[in-house]
């Protein structure tokens, strides 16, 4: 075999081994830690205790840290301005879509914003 074929077969073996590790049954370190993109932006997130904070993250990294993204941008609460710009968000108690009067009202209810318009 020539050197090019050996290199190519070595790469194929490496890819096959990586695929086996990624999809092999059972608990492995690879299966527990998702590979997240490295882009970061400002998100308003909430932790399991219900505490909101503004962090530089992305949805994948937030899930890895046991945080739930509420919306893109800085957290606005606890006091909201009385303007009406309805958003559709997932109610954390019922897990159903619900229309809130604005993004701030959805945030203080720890609802995850899914659309910048009323729910259908």
PDB file of N, CA and C in Angstrom:
ATOM      1  N   UNK A   1       0.835  -1.186   0.000  1.00  0.00           N
ATOM      2  CA  UNK A   1       0.000   0.000   0.000  1.00  0.00           C
ATOM      3  C   UNK A   1       0.877   1.246   0.000  1.00  0.00           C
ATOM      4  N   UNK A   2       0.417   2.240  -0.688  1.00  0.00           N
ATOM      5  CA  UNK A   2       1.208   3.463  -0.683  1.00  0.00           C
ATOM      6  C   UNK A   2       0.832   4.325   0.524  1.00  0.00           C
ATOM      7  N   UNK A   3       1.623   5.332   0.775  1.00  0.00           N
ATOM      8  CA  UNK A   3       1.468   6.169   1.965  1.00  0.00           C
ATOM      9  C   UNK A   3       0.110   6.884   1.994  1.00  0.00           C
ATOM     10  N   UNK A   4      -0.381   7.342   0.852  1.00  0.00           N
ATOM     11  CA  UNK A   4      -1.657   8.048   0.774  1.00  0.00           C
ATOM     12  C   UNK A   4      -2.811   7.152   1.232  1.00  0.00           C
ATOM     13  N   UNK A   5      -2.794   5.898   0.787  1.00  0.00           N
ATOM     14  CA  UNK A   5      -3.846   4.959   1.185  1.00  0.00           C
ATOM     15  C   UNK A   5      -3.777   4.655   2.674  1.00  0.00           C
ATOM     16  N   UNK A   6      -2.588   4.540   3.230  1.00  0.00           N
ATOM     17  CA  UNK A   6      -2.438   4.287   4.662  1.00  0.00           C
ATOM     18  C   UNK A   6      -2.981   5.457   5.478  1.00  0.00           C
ATOM     19  N   UNK A   7      -2.685   6.673   5.038  1.00  0.00           N
ATOM     20  CA  UNK A   7      -3.191   7.844   5.738  1.00  0.00           C
ATOM     21  C   UNK A   7      -4.715   7.896   5.665  1.00  0.00           C
ATOM     22  N   UNK A   8      -5.264   7.603   4.503  1.00  0.00           N
ATOM     23  CA  UNK A   8      -6.710   7.629   4.322  1.00  0.00           C
ATOM     24  C   UNK A   8      -7.385   6.559   5.179  1.00  0.00           C
ATOM     25  N   UNK A   9      -6.833   5.342   5.219  1.00  0.00           N
ATOM     26  CA  UNK A   9      -7.438   4.279   6.021  1.00  0.00           C
ATOM     27  C   UNK A   9      -7.298   4.591   7.505  1.00  0.00           C
ATOM     28  N   UNK A  10      -6.221   5.263   7.901  1.00  0.00           N
ATOM     29  CA  UNK A  10      -6.052   5.679   9.294  1.00  0.00           C
ATOM     30  C   UNK A  10      -7.094   6.699   9.695  1.00  0.00           C
ATOM     31  N   UNK A  11      -7.402   7.644   8.807  1.00  0.00           N
ATOM     32  CA  UNK A  11      -8.427   8.652   9.077  1.00  0.00           C
ATOM     33  C   UNK A  11      -9.793   7.997   9.199  1.00  0.00           C
ATOM     34  N   UNK A  12     -10.078   7.044   8.338  1.00  0.00           N
ATOM     35  CA  UNK A  12     -11.358   6.345   8.387  1.00  0.00           C
ATOM     36  C   UNK A  12     -11.485   5.580   9.693  1.00  0.00           C
ATOM     37  N   UNK A  13     -10.422   4.933  10.136  1.00  0.00           N
ATOM     38  CA  UNK A  13     -10.446   4.206  11.408  1.00  0.00           C
ATOM     39  C   UNK A  13     -10.682   5.162  12.569  1.00  0.00           C
ATOM     40  N   UNK A  14     -10.073   6.331  12.523  1.00  0.00           N
ATOM     41  CA  UNK A  14     -10.249   7.322  13.574  1.00  0.00           C
ATOM     42  C   UNK A  14     -11.692   7.827  13.612  1.00  0.00           C
ATOM     43  N   UNK A  15     -12.265   8.089  12.454  1.00  0.00           N
ATOM     44  CA  UNK A  15     -13.661   8.536  12.380  1.00  0.00           C
ATOM     45  C   UNK A  15     -14.586   7.437  12.890  1.00  0.00           C
ATOM     46  N   UNK A  16     -14.335   6.203  12.524  1.00  0.00           N
ATOM     47  CA  UNK A  16     -15.167   5.087  12.976  1.00  0.00           C
ATOM     48  C   UNK A  16     -15.092   4.940  14.502  1.00  0.00           C
ATOM     49  N   UNK A  17     -13.898   5.094  15.062  1.00  0.00           N
ATOM     50  CA  UNK A  17     -13.750   4.991  16.514  1.00  0.00           C
ATOM     51  C   UNK A  17     -14.496   6.116  17.218  1.00  0.00           C
ATOM     52  N   UNK A  18     -14.420   7.328  16.676  1.00  0.00           N
ATOM     53  CA  UNK A  18     -15.128   8.457  17.279  1.00  0.00           C
ATOM     54  C   UNK A  18     -16.636   8.251  17.212  1.00  0.00           C
ATOM     55  N   UNK A  19     -17.125   7.745  16.085  1.00  0.00           N
ATOM     56  CA  UNK A  19     -18.558   7.468  15.945  1.00  0.00           C
ATOM     57  C   UNK A  19     -18.992   6.393  16.930  1.00  0.00           C
ATOM     58  N   UNK A  20     -18.170   5.361  17.119  1.00  0.00           N
ATOM     59  CA  UNK A  20     -18.520   4.302  18.052  1.00  0.00           C
ATOM     60  C   UNK A  20     -18.605   4.857  19.465  1.00  0.00           C
ATOM     61  N   UNK A  21     -17.659   5.720  19.849  1.00  0.00           N
ATOM     62  CA  UNK A  21     -17.682   6.310  21.187  1.00  0.00           C
ATOM     63  C   UNK A  21     -18.909   7.200  21.381  1.00  0.00           C
ATOM     64  N   UNK A  22     -19.285   7.926  20.344  1.00  0.00           N
ATOM     65  CA  UNK A  22     -20.413   8.842  20.455  1.00  0.00           C
ATOM     66  C   UNK A  22     -21.750   8.109  20.546  1.00  0.00           C
ATOM     67  N   UNK A  23     -21.860   6.975  19.876  1.00  0.00           N
ATOM     68  CA  UNK A  23     -23.145   6.293  19.820  1.00  0.00           C
ATOM     69  C   UNK A  23     -23.157   4.957  20.537  1.00  0.00           C
ATOM     70  N   UNK A  24     -22.097   4.608  21.234  1.00  0.00           N
ATOM     71  CA  UNK A  24     -22.030   3.332  21.941  1.00  0.00           C
ATOM     72  C   UNK A  24     -23.018   3.339  23.108  1.00  0.00           C
ATOM     73  N   UNK A  25     -23.664   2.196  23.386  1.00  0.00           N
ATOM     74  CA  UNK A  25     -24.582   2.136  24.517  1.00  0.00           C
ATOM     75  C   UNK A  25     -23.823   2.244  25.825  1.00  0.00           C
ATOM     76  N   UNK A  26     -24.527   2.709  26.863  1.00  0.00           N
ATOM     77  CA  UNK A  26     -23.905   2.800  28.175  1.00  0.00           C
ATOM     78  C   UNK A  26     -23.466   4.213  28.480  1.00  0.00           C
ATOM     79  N   UNK A  27     -23.050   4.407  29.712  1.00  0.00           N
ATOM     80  CA  UNK A  27     -22.613   5.711  30.178  1.00  0.00           C
ATOM     81  C   UNK A  27     -21.163   5.970  29.773  1.00  0.00           C
ATOM     82  N   UNK A  28     -20.939   7.042  29.073  1.00  0.00           N
ATOM     83  CA  UNK A  28     -19.577   7.448  28.743  1.00  0.00           C
ATOM     84  C   UNK A  28     -19.460   8.944  28.967  1.00  0.00           C
ATOM     85  N   UNK A  29     -18.271   9.431  29.142  1.00  0.00           N
ATOM     86  CA  UNK A  29     -18.055  10.862  29.327  1.00  0.00           C
ATOM     87  C   UNK A  29     -18.495  11.629  28.091  1.00  0.00           C
ATOM     88  N   UNK A  30     -18.350  11.031  26.920  1.00  0.00           N
ATOM     89  CA  UNK A  30     -18.738  11.694  25.677  1.00  0.00           C
ATOM     90  C   UNK A  30     -20.250  11.917  25.649  1.00  0.00           C
ATOM     91  N   UNK A  31     -21.031  10.934  26.098  1.00  0.00           N
ATOM     92  CA  UNK A  31     -22.484  11.027  26.053  1.00  0.00           C
ATOM     93  C   UNK A  31     -23.010  12.032  27.072  1.00  0.00           C
ATOM     94  N   UNK A  32     -22.312  12.257  28.203  1.00  0.00           N
ATOM     95  CA  UNK A  32     -22.797  13.143  29.248  1.00  0.00           C
ATOM     96  C   UNK A  32     -22.601  14.615  28.925  1.00  0.00           C
ATOM     97  N   UNK A  33     -21.557  14.981  28.207  1.00  0.00           N
ATOM     98  CA  UNK A  33     -21.235  16.372  27.956  1.00  0.00           C
ATOM     99  C   UNK A  33     -21.518  16.711  26.496  1.00  0.00           C
ATOM    100  N   UNK A  34     -22.573  17.529  26.249  1.00  0.00           N
ATOM    101  CA  UNK A  34     -22.839  17.901  24.869  1.00  0.00           C
ATOM    102  C   UNK A  34     -21.752  18.829  24.347  1.00  0.00           C
ATOM    103  N   UNK A  35     -21.507  18.760  23.065  1.00  0.00           N
ATOM    104  CA  UNK A  35     -20.561  19.672  22.434  1.00  0.00           C
ATOM    105  C   UNK A  35     -21.340  20.919  22.058  1.00  0.00           C
ATOM    106  N   UNK A  36     -20.963  22.034  22.649  1.00  0.00           N
ATOM    107  CA  UNK A  36     -21.691  23.282  22.445  1.00  0.00           C
ATOM    108  C   UNK A  36     -20.902  24.224  21.549  1.00  0.00           C
ATOM    109  N   UNK A  37     -21.597  25.028  20.738  1.00  0.00           N
ATOM    110  CA  UNK A  37     -20.904  26.045  19.963  1.00  0.00           C
ATOM    111  C   UNK A  37     -20.316  27.088  20.912  1.00  0.00           C
ATOM    112  N   UNK A  38     -19.314  27.788  20.466  1.00  0.00           N
ATOM    113  CA  UNK A  38     -18.616  28.729  21.340  1.00  0.00           C
ATOM    114  C   UNK A  38     -19.060  30.178  21.175  1.00  0.00           C
ATOM    115  N   UNK A  39     -20.153  30.431  20.419  1.00  0.00           N
ATOM    116  CA  UNK A  39     -20.624  31.807  20.313  1.00  0.00           C
ATOM    117  C   UNK A  39     -21.309  32.190  21.624  1.00  0.00           C
ATOM    118  N   UNK A  40     -21.117  33.423  22.039  1.00  0.00           N
ATOM    119  CA  UNK A  40     -21.719  33.910  23.270  1.00  0.00           C
ATOM    120  C   UNK A  40     -22.469  35.196  22.993  1.00  0.00           C
ATOM    121  N   UNK A  41     -23.568  35.382  23.687  1.00  0.00           N
ATOM    122  CA  UNK A  41     -24.307  36.632  23.654  1.00  0.00           C
ATOM    123  C   UNK A  41     -24.981  36.792  25.010  1.00  0.00           C
ATOM    124  N   UNK A  42     -25.582  37.929  25.246  1.00  0.00           N
ATOM    125  CA  UNK A  42     -26.222  38.204  26.528  1.00  0.00           C
ATOM    126  C   UNK A  42     -27.609  37.575  26.561  1.00  0.00           C
ATOM    127  N   UNK A  43     -27.871  36.797  27.605  1.00  0.00           N
ATOM    128  CA  UNK A  43     -29.171  36.160  27.808  1.00  0.00           C
ATOM    129  C   UNK A  43     -29.645  36.403  29.230  1.00  0.00           C
ATOM    130  N   UNK A  44     -30.937  36.461  29.402  1.00  0.00           N
ATOM    131  CA  UNK A  44     -31.546  36.448  30.723  1.00  0.00           C
ATOM    132  C   UNK A  44     -31.875  34.989  31.006  1.00  0.00           C
ATOM    133  N   UNK A  45     -31.342  34.451  32.106  1.00  0.00           N
ATOM    134  CA  UNK A  45     -31.527  33.037  32.444  1.00  0.00           C
ATOM    135  C   UNK A  45     -32.080  32.918  33.857  1.00  0.00           C
ATOM    136  N   UNK A  46     -32.614  31.737  34.160  1.00  0.00           N
ATOM    137  CA  UNK A  46     -33.114  31.452  35.503  1.00  0.00           C
ATOM    138  C   UNK A  46     -32.543  30.110  35.940  1.00  0.00           C
ATOM    139  N   UNK A  47     -32.168  30.008  37.218  1.00  0.00           N
ATOM    140  CA  UNK A  47     -31.651  28.736  37.723  1.00  0.00           C
ATOM    141  C   UNK A  47     -32.779  27.933  38.368  1.00  0.00           C
ATOM    142  N   UNK A  48     -32.471  26.752  38.884  1.00  0.00           N
ATOM    143  CA  UNK A  48     -33.482  25.862  39.450  1.00  0.00           C
ATOM    144  C   UNK A  48     -34.179  26.474  40.663  1.00  0.00           C
ATOM    145  N   UNK A  49     -33.502  27.387  41.354  1.00  0.00           N
ATOM    146  CA  UNK A  49     -34.090  28.038  42.525  1.00  0.00           C
ATOM    147  C   UNK A  49     -34.990  29.205  42.137  1.00  0.00           C
ATOM    148  N   UNK A  50     -35.066  29.533  40.843  1.00  0.00           N
ATOM    149  CA  UNK A  50     -35.913  30.620  40.374  1.00  0.00           C
ATOM    150  C   UNK A  50     -35.233  31.974  40.373  1.00  0.00           C
ATOM    151  N   UNK A  51     -33.923  32.005  40.532  1.00  0.00           N
ATOM    152  CA  UNK A  51     -33.177  33.263  40.548  1.00  0.00           C
ATOM    153  C   UNK A  51     -32.763  33.619  39.118  1.00  0.00           C
ATOM    154  N   UNK A  52     -33.152  34.823  38.681  1.00  0.00           N
ATOM    155  CA  UNK A  52     -32.821  35.294  37.339  1.00  0.00           C
ATOM    156  C   UNK A  52     -31.493  36.041  37.356  1.00  0.00           C
ATOM    157  N   UNK A  53     -30.768  35.927  36.252  1.00  0.00           N
ATOM    158  CA  UNK A  53     -29.517  36.680  36.117  1.00  0.00           C
ATOM    159  C   UNK A  53     -29.211  36.887  34.639  1.00  0.00           C
ATOM    160  N   UNK A  54     -28.392  37.890  34.370  1.00  0.00           N
ATOM    161  CA  UNK A  54     -27.928  38.181  33.022  1.00  0.00           C
ATOM    162  C   UNK A  54     -26.542  37.590  32.869  1.00  0.00           C
ATOM    163  N   UNK A  55     -26.356  36.745  31.846  1.00  0.00           N
ATOM    164  CA  UNK A  55     -25.065  36.087  31.635  1.00  0.00           C
ATOM    165  C   UNK A  55     -24.707  36.095  30.156  1.00  0.00           C
ATOM    166  N   UNK A  56     -23.405  35.990  29.883  1.00  0.00           N
ATOM    167  CA  UNK A  56     -22.903  35.805  28.522  1.00  0.00           C
ATOM    168  C   UNK A  56     -22.830  34.297  28.291  1.00  0.00           C
ATOM    169  N   UNK A  57     -23.715  33.749  27.465  1.00  0.00           N
ATOM    170  CA  UNK A  57     -23.790  32.311  27.251  1.00  0.00           C
ATOM    171  C   UNK A  57     -24.463  32.039  25.918  1.00  0.00           C
ATOM    172  N   UNK A  58     -24.857  30.797  25.700  1.00  0.00           N
ATOM    173  CA  UNK A  58     -25.733  30.412  24.605  1.00  0.00           C
ATOM    174  C   UNK A  58     -26.650  29.323  25.156  1.00  0.00           C
ATOM    175  N   UNK A  59     -27.742  28.976  24.481  1.00  0.00           N
ATOM    176  CA  UNK A  59     -28.678  28.011  25.048  1.00  0.00           C
ATOM    177  C   UNK A  59     -28.055  26.659  25.415  1.00  0.00           C
ATOM    178  N   UNK A  60     -27.115  26.178  24.622  1.00  0.00           N
ATOM    179  CA  UNK A  60     -26.472  24.891  24.896  1.00  0.00           C
ATOM    180  C   UNK A  60     -25.646  24.957  26.183  1.00  0.00           C
ATOM    181  N   UNK A  61     -24.815  25.989  26.299  1.00  0.00           N
ATOM    182  CA  UNK A  61     -23.998  26.137  27.503  1.00  0.00           C
ATOM    183  C   UNK A  61     -24.875  26.366  28.729  1.00  0.00           C
ATOM    184  N   UNK A  62     -25.970  27.098  28.568  1.00  0.00           N
ATOM    185  CA  UNK A  62     -26.886  27.337  29.683  1.00  0.00           C
ATOM    186  C   UNK A  62     -27.475  26.017  30.188  1.00  0.00           C
ATOM    187  N   UNK A  63     -27.925  25.161  29.275  1.00  0.00           N
ATOM    188  CA  UNK A  63     -28.461  23.857  29.692  1.00  0.00           C
ATOM    189  C   UNK A  63     -27.413  23.043  30.429  1.00  0.00           C
ATOM    190  N   UNK A  64     -26.178  23.101  29.941  1.00  0.00           N
ATOM    191  CA  UNK A  64     -25.089  22.362  30.580  1.00  0.00           C
ATOM    192  C   UNK A  64     -24.886  22.842  32.026  1.00  0.00           C
ATOM    193  N   UNK A  65     -25.135  24.141  32.270  1.00  0.00           N
ATOM    194  CA  UNK A  65     -24.977  24.714  33.606  1.00  0.00           C
ATOM    195  C   UNK A  65     -26.286  24.665  34.408  1.00  0.00           C
ATOM    196  N   UNK A  66     -27.272  23.935  33.911  1.00  0.00           N
ATOM    197  CA  UNK A  66     -28.580  23.779  34.570  1.00  0.00           C
ATOM    198  C   UNK A  66     -29.321  25.116  34.703  1.00  0.00           C
ATOM    199  N   UNK A  67     -29.209  25.939  33.651  1.00  0.00           N
ATOM    200  CA  UNK A  67     -29.927  27.198  33.573  1.00  0.00           C
ATOM    201  C   UNK A  67     -30.946  27.110  32.449  1.00  0.00           C
ATOM    202  N   UNK A  68     -32.019  27.889  32.567  1.00  0.00           N
ATOM    203  CA  UNK A  68     -33.024  27.936  31.509  1.00  0.00           C
ATOM    204  C   UNK A  68     -33.044  29.345  30.941  1.00  0.00           C
ATOM    205  N   UNK A  69     -32.911  29.469  29.626  1.00  0.00           N
ATOM    206  CA  UNK A  69     -32.923  30.776  28.959  1.00  0.00           C
ATOM    207  C   UNK A  69     -34.355  31.302  28.946  1.00  0.00           C
ATOM    208  N   UNK A  70     -34.507  32.561  29.404  1.00  0.00           N
ATOM    209  CA  UNK A  70     -35.816  33.200  29.340  1.00  0.00           C
ATOM    210  C   UNK A  70     -35.958  34.020  28.063  1.00  0.00           C
ATOM    211  N   UNK A  71     -34.922  34.796  27.724  1.00  0.00           N
ATOM    212  CA  UNK A  71     -34.932  35.576  26.486  1.00  0.00           C
ATOM    213  C   UNK A  71     -33.536  36.104  26.212  1.00  0.00           C
ATOM    214  N   UNK A  72     -33.321  36.572  24.971  1.00  0.00           N
ATOM    215  CA  UNK A  72     -32.070  37.209  24.598  1.00  0.00           C
ATOM    216  C   UNK A  72     -32.066  38.613  25.201  1.00  0.00           C
ATOM    217  N   UNK A  73     -30.916  39.031  25.709  1.00  0.00           N
ATOM    218  CA  UNK A  73     -30.780  40.376  26.267  1.00  0.00           C
ATOM    219  C   UNK A  73     -30.732  40.349  27.784  1.00  0.00           C
ATOM    220  N   UNK A  74     -30.545  41.532  28.356  1.00  0.00           N
ATOM    221  CA  UNK A  74     -30.445  41.665  29.809  1.00  0.00           C
ATOM    222  C   UNK A  74     -31.786  41.413  30.479  1.00  0.00           C
ATOM    223  N   UNK A  75     -31.741  40.908  31.712  1.00  0.00           N
ATOM    224  CA  UNK A  75     -32.964  40.754  32.507  1.00  0.00           C
ATOM    225  C   UNK A  75     -33.508  42.148  32.812  1.00  0.00           C
ATOM    226  N   UNK A  76     -34.841  42.291  32.827  1.00  0.00           N
ATOM    227  CA  UNK A  76     -35.469  43.597  32.964  1.00  0.00           C
ATOM    228  C   UNK A  76     -36.128  43.826  34.321  1.00  0.00           C
ATOM    229  N   UNK A  77     -36.627  42.772  34.968  1.00  0.00           N
ATOM    230  CA  UNK A  77     -37.407  42.884  36.199  1.00  0.00           C
ATOM    231  C   UNK A  77     -36.595  43.428  37.348  1.00  0.00           C
ATOM    232  N   UNK A  78     -37.165  43.564  38.513  1.00  0.00           N
ATOM    233  CA  UNK A  78     -38.470  43.058  38.927  1.00  0.00           C
ATOM    234  C   UNK A  78     -39.638  43.997  38.624  1.00  0.00           C
ATOM    235  N   UNK A  79     -39.354  45.238  38.191  1.00  0.00           N
ATOM    236  CA  UNK A  79     -40.440  46.169  37.893  1.00  0.00           C
ATOM    237  C   UNK A  79     -40.517  46.387  36.388  1.00  0.00           C
ATOM    238  N   UNK A  80     -41.733  46.300  35.851  1.00  0.00           N
ATOM    239  CA  UNK A  80     -41.928  46.406  34.403  1.00  0.00           C
ATOM    240  C   UNK A  80     -42.641  47.700  34.054  1.00  0.00           C
ATOM    241  N   UNK A  81     -42.251  48.310  32.927  1.00  0.00           N
ATOM    242  CA  UNK A  81     -42.952  49.483  32.423  1.00  0.00           C
ATOM    243  C   UNK A  81     -44.302  49.048  31.862  1.00  0.00           C
ATOM    244  N   UNK A  82     -45.337  49.862  32.054  1.00  0.00           N
ATOM    245  CA  UNK A  82     -46.680  49.480  31.602  1.00  0.00           C
ATOM    246  C   UNK A  82     -46.917  49.766  30.114  1.00  0.00           C
ATOM    247  N   UNK A  83     -46.197  49.077  29.243  1.00  0.00           N
ATOM    248  CA  UNK A  83     -46.464  49.203  27.811  1.00  0.00           C
ATOM    249  C   UNK A  83     -46.888  47.833  27.286  1.00  0.00           C
ATOM    250  N   UNK A  84     -47.700  47.866  26.228  1.00  0.00           N
ATOM    251  CA  UNK A  84     -48.265  46.627  25.696  1.00  0.00           C
ATOM    252  C   UNK A  84     -47.550  46.250  24.408  1.00  0.00           C
ATOM    253  N   UNK A  85     -46.746  45.215  24.469  1.00  0.00           N
ATOM    254  CA  UNK A  85     -46.089  44.633  23.297  1.00  0.00           C
ATOM    255  C   UNK A  85     -46.077  43.127  23.547  1.00  0.00           C
ATOM    256  N   UNK A  86     -47.184  42.451  23.231  1.00  0.00           N
ATOM    257  CA  UNK A  86     -47.349  41.049  23.622  1.00  0.00           C
ATOM    258  C   UNK A  86     -46.297  40.106  23.055  1.00  0.00           C
ATOM    259  N   UNK A  87     -45.950  39.124  23.878  1.00  0.00           N
ATOM    260  CA  UNK A  87     -45.017  38.067  23.483  1.00  0.00           C
ATOM    261  C   UNK A  87     -45.641  36.717  23.819  1.00  0.00           C
ATOM    262  N   UNK A  88     -45.227  35.708  23.083  1.00  0.00           N
ATOM    263  CA  UNK A  88     -45.660  34.342  23.351  1.00  0.00           C
ATOM    264  C   UNK A  88     -44.534  33.668  24.140  1.00  0.00           C
ATOM    265  N   UNK A  89     -44.874  33.076  25.280  1.00  0.00           N
ATOM    266  CA  UNK A  89     -43.872  32.435  26.128  1.00  0.00           C
ATOM    267  C   UNK A  89     -44.441  31.150  26.707  1.00  0.00           C
ATOM    268  N   UNK A  90     -43.543  30.252  27.091  1.00  0.00           N
ATOM    269  CA  UNK A  90     -43.953  28.977  27.694  1.00  0.00           C
ATOM    270  C   UNK A  90     -44.043  29.164  29.198  1.00  0.00           C
ATOM    271  N   UNK A  91     -45.251  28.982  29.731  1.00  0.00           N
ATOM    272  CA  UNK A  91     -45.499  29.100  31.159  1.00  0.00           C
ATOM    273  C   UNK A  91     -44.738  27.984  31.876  1.00  0.00           C
ATOM    274  N   UNK A  92     -43.906  28.305  32.884  1.00  0.00           N
ATOM    275  CA  UNK A  92     -43.100  27.270  33.535  1.00  0.00           C
ATOM    276  C   UNK A  92     -43.899  26.299  34.392  1.00  0.00           C
ATOM    277  N   UNK A  93     -45.115  26.665  34.756  1.00  0.00           N
ATOM    278  CA  UNK A  93     -45.951  25.784  35.580  1.00  0.00           C
ATOM    279  C   UNK A  93     -46.758  24.826  34.718  1.00  0.00           C
ATOM    280  N   UNK A  94     -47.428  25.376  33.696  1.00  0.00           N
ATOM    281  CA  UNK A  94     -48.297  24.546  32.854  1.00  0.00           C
ATOM    282  C   UNK A  94     -47.564  23.950  31.656  1.00  0.00           C
ATOM    283  N   UNK A  95     -46.397  24.513  31.324  1.00  0.00           N
ATOM    284  CA  UNK A  95     -45.601  24.099  30.153  1.00  0.00           C
ATOM    285  C   UNK A  95     -46.370  24.294  28.850  1.00  0.00           C
ATOM    286  N   UNK A  96     -47.304  25.254  28.867  1.00  0.00           N
ATOM    287  CA  UNK A  96     -48.076  25.580  27.673  1.00  0.00           C
ATOM    288  C   UNK A  96     -47.753  27.007  27.246  1.00  0.00           C
ATOM    289  N   UNK A  97     -47.955  27.277  25.964  1.00  0.00           N
ATOM    290  CA  UNK A  97     -47.733  28.631  25.453  1.00  0.00           C
ATOM    291  C   UNK A  97     -48.804  29.561  26.006  1.00  0.00           C
ATOM    292  N   UNK A  98     -48.367  30.773  26.354  1.00  0.00           N
ATOM    293  CA  UNK A  98     -49.273  31.758  26.923  1.00  0.00           C
ATOM    294  C   UNK A  98     -48.834  33.139  26.460  1.00  0.00           C
ATOM    295  N   UNK A  99     -49.784  34.020  26.189  1.00  0.00           N
ATOM    296  CA  UNK A  99     -49.464  35.385  25.781  1.00  0.00           C
ATOM    297  C   UNK A  99     -49.310  36.254  27.017  1.00  0.00           C
ATOM    298  N   UNK A 100     -48.179  36.966  27.083  1.00  0.00           N
ATOM    299  CA  UNK A 100     -47.915  37.913  28.167  1.00  0.00           C
ATOM    300  C   UNK A 100     -47.930  39.313  27.577  1.00  0.00           C
ATOM    301  N   UNK A 101     -48.249  40.324  28.372  1.00  0.00           N
ATOM    302  CA  UNK A 101     -48.371  41.697  27.901  1.00  0.00           C
ATOM    303  C   UNK A 101     -47.095  42.275  27.317  1.00  0.00           C
ATOM    304  N   UNK A 102     -45.932  41.843  27.819  1.00  0.00           N
ATOM    305  CA  UNK A 102     -44.644  42.256  27.263  1.00  0.00           C
ATOM    306  C   UNK A 102     -43.570  41.286  27.768  1.00  0.00           C
ATOM    307  N   UNK A 103     -42.349  41.451  27.255  1.00  0.00           N
ATOM    308  CA  UNK A 103     -41.260  40.534  27.596  1.00  0.00           C
ATOM    309  C   UNK A 103     -40.925  40.572  29.080  1.00  0.00           C
ATOM    310  N   UNK A 104     -41.008  41.744  29.689  1.00  0.00           N
ATOM    311  CA  UNK A 104     -40.702  41.885  31.109  1.00  0.00           C
ATOM    312  C   UNK A 104     -41.702  41.094  31.965  1.00  0.00           C
ATOM    313  N   UNK A 105     -42.986  41.151  31.618  1.00  0.00           N
ATOM    314  CA  UNK A 105     -43.991  40.395  32.374  1.00  0.00           C
ATOM    315  C   UNK A 105     -43.771  38.893  32.233  1.00  0.00           C
ATOM    316  N   UNK A 106     -43.364  38.453  31.052  1.00  0.00           N
ATOM    317  CA  UNK A 106     -43.033  37.034  30.874  1.00  0.00           C
ATOM    318  C   UNK A 106     -41.827  36.678  31.738  1.00  0.00           C
ATOM    319  N   UNK A 107     -40.826  37.558  31.748  1.00  0.00           N
ATOM    320  CA  UNK A 107     -39.611  37.304  32.524  1.00  0.00           C
ATOM    321  C   UNK A 107     -39.893  37.173  34.016  1.00  0.00           C
ATOM    322  N   UNK A 108     -40.658  38.093  34.589  1.00  0.00           N
ATOM    323  CA  UNK A 108     -40.874  38.024  36.039  1.00  0.00           C
ATOM    324  C   UNK A 108     -41.716  36.817  36.441  1.00  0.00           C
ATOM    325  N   UNK A 109     -42.362  36.195  35.442  1.00  0.00           N
ATOM    326  CA  UNK A 109     -43.072  34.937  35.687  1.00  0.00           C
ATOM    327  C   UNK A 109     -42.218  33.731  35.323  1.00  0.00           C
ATOM    328  N   UNK A 110     -40.932  33.976  35.009  1.00  0.00           N
ATOM    329  CA  UNK A 110     -39.968  32.932  34.618  1.00  0.00           C
ATOM    330  C   UNK A 110     -40.435  32.121  33.413  1.00  0.00           C
ATOM    331  N   UNK A 111     -41.161  32.776  32.506  1.00  0.00           N
ATOM    332  CA  UNK A 111     -41.627  32.136  31.277  1.00  0.00           C
ATOM    333  C   UNK A 111     -40.588  32.308  30.175  1.00  0.00           C
ATOM    334  N   UNK A 112     -40.400  31.283  29.362  1.00  0.00           N
ATOM    335  CA  UNK A 112     -39.435  31.304  28.270  1.00  0.00           C
ATOM    336  C   UNK A 112     -40.086  31.890  27.019  1.00  0.00           C
ATOM    337  N   UNK A 113     -39.582  33.026  26.552  1.00  0.00           N
ATOM    338  CA  UNK A 113     -40.137  33.704  25.371  1.00  0.00           C
ATOM    339  C   UNK A 113     -39.801  32.894  24.126  1.00  0.00           C
ATOM    340  N   UNK A 114     -40.844  32.615  23.328  1.00  0.00           N
ATOM    341  CA  UNK A 114     -40.640  31.846  22.084  1.00  0.00           C
ATOM    342  C   UNK A 114     -40.981  32.653  20.835  1.00  0.00           C
ATOM    343  N   UNK A 115     -41.708  33.774  20.996  1.00  0.00           N
ATOM    344  CA  UNK A 115     -42.043  34.616  19.832  1.00  0.00           C
ATOM    345  C   UNK A 115     -42.360  36.031  20.296  1.00  0.00           C
ATOM    346  N   UNK A 116     -41.981  37.014  19.472  1.00  0.00           N
ATOM    347  CA  UNK A 116     -42.249  38.417  19.779  1.00  0.00           C
ATOM    348  C   UNK A 116     -43.613  38.836  19.245  1.00  0.00           C
ATOM    349  N   UNK A 117     -44.601  38.010  19.455  1.00  0.00           N
ATOM    350  CA  UNK A 117     -45.976  38.293  19.060  1.00  0.00           C
ATOM    351  C   UNK A 117     -46.888  37.429  19.931  1.00  0.00           C
ATOM    352  N   UNK A 118     -48.189  37.710  19.945  1.00  0.00           N
ATOM    353  CA  UNK A 118     -49.100  36.881  20.740  1.00  0.00           C
ATOM    354  C   UNK A 118     -49.101  35.422  20.276  1.00  0.00           C
ATOM    355  N   UNK A 119     -49.387  34.545  21.185  1.00  0.00           N
ATOM    356  CA  UNK A 119     -49.487  33.123  20.833  1.00  0.00           C
ATOM    357  C   UNK A 119     -50.677  32.900  19.913  1.00  0.00           C
ATOM    358  N   UNK A 120     -50.569  31.934  19.011  1.00  0.00           N
ATOM    359  CA  UNK A 120     -51.696  31.651  18.099  1.00  0.00           C
ATOM    360  C   UNK A 120     -52.895  31.091  18.853  1.00  0.00           C
TER     361      UNK A 120
END
